Structure formats: structure tokens, C-alpha cells
């Protein structure tokens, strides 16, 4: 995270890069479906499709 410089000290911004994260509620009724989705999402097949 770092400040964005500017000419007006009263009007400035902030740049924040958050790491990509996936969160799943531990008591979800669909844990197996979530695991299957994430397994596909990070697979070579999904990566090649998104890069096409």
C-alpha cells in the first residue's frame, strides 16, 4: 500500500493491492461443491480457457 502523490495535500489517494483470496464458510452445506469449483478454477484447463 502506498500513497498517491498530488499537488493538493488535502486531496490525496491511496493505492492498495490486495492478494487474490477465496474464502469459504467452514460450516457451508456445499463444501464438496466449493472444493470442486476451486479445483477446476485453478486447473490447467481453466487457465488455458481464460487465456484463449
C-alpha atoms as a PDB file:
ATOM      1  CA  UNK A   1       0.000   0.000   0.000  1.00  0.00           C
ATOM      2  CA  UNK A   2       1.286   3.445  -0.777  1.00  0.00           C
ATOM      3  CA  UNK A   3       0.057   6.985  -1.046  1.00  0.00           C
ATOM      4  CA  UNK A   4      -0.653   8.594  -4.389  1.00  0.00           C
ATOM      5  CA  UNK A   5       1.190  11.926  -4.639  1.00  0.00           C
ATOM      6  CA  UNK A   6      -0.576  15.031  -5.870  1.00  0.00           C
ATOM      7  CA  UNK A   7      -0.476  18.818  -5.880  1.00  0.00           C
ATOM      8  CA  UNK A   8      -3.127  19.286  -3.167  1.00  0.00           C
ATOM      9  CA  UNK A   9      -2.196  17.894   0.275  1.00  0.00           C
ATOM     10  CA  UNK A  10      -5.881  17.920   1.288  1.00  0.00           C
ATOM     11  CA  UNK A  11      -6.925  15.794  -1.688  1.00  0.00           C
ATOM     12  CA  UNK A  12      -4.829  12.661  -1.987  1.00  0.00           C
ATOM     13  CA  UNK A  13      -5.398   8.990  -2.659  1.00  0.00           C
ATOM     14  CA  UNK A  14      -4.186   5.594  -1.639  1.00  0.00           C
ATOM     15  CA  UNK A  15      -3.329   2.583  -3.755  1.00  0.00           C
ATOM     16  CA  UNK A  16      -3.913  -0.817  -2.206  1.00  0.00           C
ATOM     17  CA  UNK A  17      -3.256  -4.172  -3.848  1.00  0.00           C
ATOM     18  CA  UNK A  18      -4.961  -6.999  -2.058  1.00  0.00           C
ATOM     19  CA  UNK A  19      -3.825 -10.544  -2.737  1.00  0.00           C
ATOM     20  CA  UNK A  20      -6.344 -12.727  -4.527  1.00  0.00           C
ATOM     21  CA  UNK A  21      -8.177 -14.809  -1.960  1.00  0.00           C
ATOM     22  CA  UNK A  22     -11.080 -17.189  -1.797  1.00  0.00           C
ATOM     23  CA  UNK A  23     -12.946 -17.690   1.430  1.00  0.00           C
ATOM     24  CA  UNK A  24     -15.398 -20.455   2.212  1.00  0.00           C
ATOM     25  CA  UNK A  25     -17.506 -20.673   5.318  1.00  0.00           C
ATOM     26  CA  UNK A  26     -16.357 -23.739   7.228  1.00  0.00           C
ATOM     27  CA  UNK A  27     -19.949 -24.754   8.012  1.00  0.00           C
ATOM     28  CA  UNK A  28     -21.225 -24.387   4.444  1.00  0.00           C
ATOM     29  CA  UNK A  29     -23.667 -27.045   3.274  1.00  0.00           C
ATOM     30  CA  UNK A  30     -21.860 -27.139  -0.080  1.00  0.00           C
ATOM     31  CA  UNK A  31     -18.234 -27.764   0.876  1.00  0.00           C
ATOM     32  CA  UNK A  32     -17.799 -30.518  -1.728  1.00  0.00           C
ATOM     33  CA  UNK A  33     -19.215 -28.285  -4.487  1.00  0.00           C
ATOM     34  CA  UNK A  34     -16.935 -25.422  -3.442  1.00  0.00           C
ATOM     35  CA  UNK A  35     -13.899 -27.707  -3.438  1.00  0.00           C
ATOM     36  CA  UNK A  36     -14.813 -28.984  -6.911  1.00  0.00           C
ATOM     37  CA  UNK A  37     -15.254 -25.443  -8.202  1.00  0.00           C
ATOM     38  CA  UNK A  38     -11.924 -24.257  -6.776  1.00  0.00           C
ATOM     39  CA  UNK A  39     -10.163 -27.345  -8.100  1.00  0.00           C
ATOM     40  CA  UNK A  40     -11.454 -26.514 -11.580  1.00  0.00           C
ATOM     41  CA  UNK A  41     -10.822 -22.761 -11.210  1.00  0.00           C
ATOM     42  CA  UNK A  42      -7.128 -23.348 -10.545  1.00  0.00           C
ATOM     43  CA  UNK A  43      -6.735 -26.160 -13.068  1.00  0.00           C
ATOM     44  CA  UNK A  44      -4.676 -26.023 -16.254  1.00  0.00           C
ATOM     45  CA  UNK A  45      -7.901 -26.396 -18.258  1.00  0.00           C
ATOM     46  CA  UNK A  46      -9.492 -23.285 -16.726  1.00  0.00           C
ATOM     47  CA  UNK A  47      -6.274 -21.306 -17.084  1.00  0.00           C
ATOM     48  CA  UNK A  48      -5.953 -22.163 -20.765  1.00  0.00           C
ATOM     49  CA  UNK A  49      -9.607 -21.225 -21.372  1.00  0.00           C
ATOM     50  CA  UNK A  50      -9.234 -17.835 -19.722  1.00  0.00           C
ATOM     51  CA  UNK A  51      -6.088 -17.088 -21.724  1.00  0.00           C
ATOM     52  CA  UNK A  52      -7.675 -18.021 -25.066  1.00  0.00           C
END
